[in-house]
């Protein structure tokens, strides 16, 4: 059991390190969304990095202008792989993840319709 916990901790450290490296590279070298580059349309995650940085600065207006679903999407990405660990809260968290995905998708569709 203990070796399993160590493996999970190592996996989380690797994932969070990859995320930190991704954020550093995208901010440092101004790399943009590949989906946006290929199609010219924003993906559901477009603006999330800028939105989260704006939120860390306390700039709520900028956060909502970049991507108002950035924080719920981040929470969903953290919660969803670990649903079985939440016991009786599993169903409400699953509903949260599904609603976040649906609302983010609908928001993105509306954003695309307004742009085009």
Protein backbone atom coordinates (compact mmCIF):
# COMPACT_ATOMS: atom_id res chain seq x y z
CA UNK A 1 0.00 0.00 0.00
CA UNK A 2 2.80 2.39 0.85
CA UNK A 3 4.59 1.83 -2.48
CA UNK A 4 1.33 2.67 -4.27
CA UNK A 5 1.10 5.98 -2.38
CA UNK A 6 4.71 6.79 -3.29
CA UNK A 7 3.98 6.05 -6.95
CA UNK A 8 0.92 8.33 -6.86
CA UNK A 9 2.93 11.13 -5.24
CA UNK A 10 5.70 10.77 -7.82
CA UNK A 11 3.12 10.82 -10.62
CA UNK A 12 1.58 14.02 -9.22
CA UNK A 13 4.97 15.67 -8.91
CA UNK A 14 5.72 14.74 -12.53
CA UNK A 15 2.37 16.08 -13.76
CA UNK A 16 2.65 19.36 -11.84
CA UNK A 17 6.26 19.75 -13.00
CA UNK A 18 5.13 19.25 -16.60
CA UNK A 19 2.40 21.85 -16.12
CA UNK A 20 4.87 24.32 -14.60
CA UNK A 21 7.30 23.72 -17.47
CA UNK A 22 4.49 24.20 -20.00
CA UNK A 23 3.47 27.48 -18.38
CA UNK A 24 7.06 28.70 -18.27
CA UNK A 25 7.68 27.86 -21.93
CA UNK A 26 4.41 29.34 -23.19
CA UNK A 27 4.87 32.57 -21.25
CA UNK A 28 8.61 32.92 -21.88
CA UNK A 29 8.54 32.13 -25.60
CA UNK A 30 4.99 33.33 -26.34
CA UNK A 31 3.80 30.03 -27.79
CA UNK A 32 0.14 30.12 -28.64
CA UNK A 33 -2.62 27.50 -28.77
CA UNK A 34 -1.96 24.96 -31.54
CA UNK A 35 -5.71 24.46 -32.12
CA UNK A 36 -6.10 28.21 -32.61
CA UNK A 37 -3.08 28.31 -34.91
CA UNK A 38 -4.48 25.52 -37.11
CA UNK A 39 -8.15 26.53 -37.24
CA UNK A 40 -8.23 30.19 -36.29
CA UNK A 41 -10.88 29.33 -33.67
CA UNK A 42 -10.43 29.41 -29.89
CA UNK A 43 -10.41 26.10 -28.03
CA UNK A 44 -12.25 25.79 -24.67
CA UNK A 45 -8.95 26.30 -22.88
CA UNK A 46 -7.84 29.36 -24.86
CA UNK A 47 -7.10 32.23 -22.53
CA UNK A 48 -6.93 29.98 -19.45
CA UNK A 49 -3.26 30.62 -18.75
CA UNK A 50 -3.69 34.38 -19.03
CA UNK A 51 -6.90 34.20 -16.99
CA UNK A 52 -5.23 32.28 -14.15
CA UNK A 53 -2.28 34.67 -14.10
CA UNK A 54 -4.75 37.60 -14.00
CA UNK A 55 -6.56 35.91 -11.11
CA UNK A 56 -3.27 35.51 -9.24
CA UNK A 57 -2.66 39.25 -9.71
CA UNK A 58 -6.16 39.96 -8.40
CA UNK A 59 -7.34 41.37 -11.73
CA UNK A 60 -10.85 39.86 -11.83
CA UNK A 61 -11.99 41.87 -14.85
CA UNK A 62 -9.10 40.51 -16.93
CA UNK A 63 -9.78 36.99 -15.63
CA UNK A 64 -13.38 37.07 -16.87
CA UNK A 65 -12.39 38.65 -20.17
CA UNK A 66 -9.78 35.97 -20.95
CA UNK A 67 -11.70 32.83 -19.95
CA UNK A 68 -14.22 32.76 -17.09
CA UNK A 69 -14.07 28.94 -16.98
CA UNK A 70 -10.31 28.74 -16.38
CA UNK A 71 -10.58 28.07 -12.63
CA UNK A 72 -13.44 25.52 -12.88
CA UNK A 73 -11.57 23.76 -15.72
CA UNK A 74 -8.43 23.62 -13.58
CA UNK A 75 -10.44 22.22 -10.66
CA UNK A 76 -12.04 19.68 -12.98
CA UNK A 77 -8.63 18.56 -14.26
CA UNK A 78 -7.46 18.03 -10.69
CA UNK A 79 -10.63 16.39 -9.35
CA UNK A 80 -11.70 14.10 -12.21
CA UNK A 81 -8.75 11.65 -12.13
CA UNK A 82 -9.24 11.24 -8.37
CA UNK A 83 -13.03 10.78 -8.18
CA UNK A 84 -12.81 7.37 -6.53
CA UNK A 85 -10.94 8.91 -3.59
CA UNK A 86 -13.85 11.18 -2.61
CA UNK A 87 -16.25 8.52 -1.32
CA UNK A 88 -19.71 9.95 -0.74
CA UNK A 89 -18.79 13.19 -2.53
CA UNK A 90 -18.04 11.28 -5.73
CA UNK A 91 -21.42 11.93 -7.38
CA UNK A 92 -21.59 15.70 -6.69
CA UNK A 93 -18.02 16.10 -7.91
CA UNK A 94 -18.78 14.08 -11.03
CA UNK A 95 -21.78 16.35 -11.67
CA UNK A 96 -19.49 19.37 -11.16
CA UNK A 97 -16.99 17.99 -13.69
CA UNK A 98 -19.69 17.24 -16.27
CA UNK A 99 -21.37 20.64 -15.85
CA UNK A 100 -18.01 22.41 -16.07
CA UNK A 101 -17.21 20.60 -19.31
CA UNK A 102 -20.66 21.31 -20.78
CA UNK A 103 -20.75 24.99 -19.79
CA UNK A 104 -17.20 25.51 -21.01
CA UNK A 105 -18.09 23.89 -24.33
CA UNK A 106 -21.24 26.03 -24.71
CA UNK A 107 -19.29 29.18 -23.77
CA UNK A 108 -16.68 28.30 -26.37
CA UNK A 109 -19.36 27.76 -29.04
CA UNK A 110 -20.87 31.15 -28.24
CA UNK A 111 -17.40 32.71 -28.37
CA UNK A 112 -16.82 31.17 -31.81
CA UNK A 113 -20.21 32.39 -33.08
CA UNK A 114 -19.49 35.92 -31.89
CA UNK A 115 -16.03 35.94 -33.48
CA UNK A 116 -17.20 34.70 -36.89
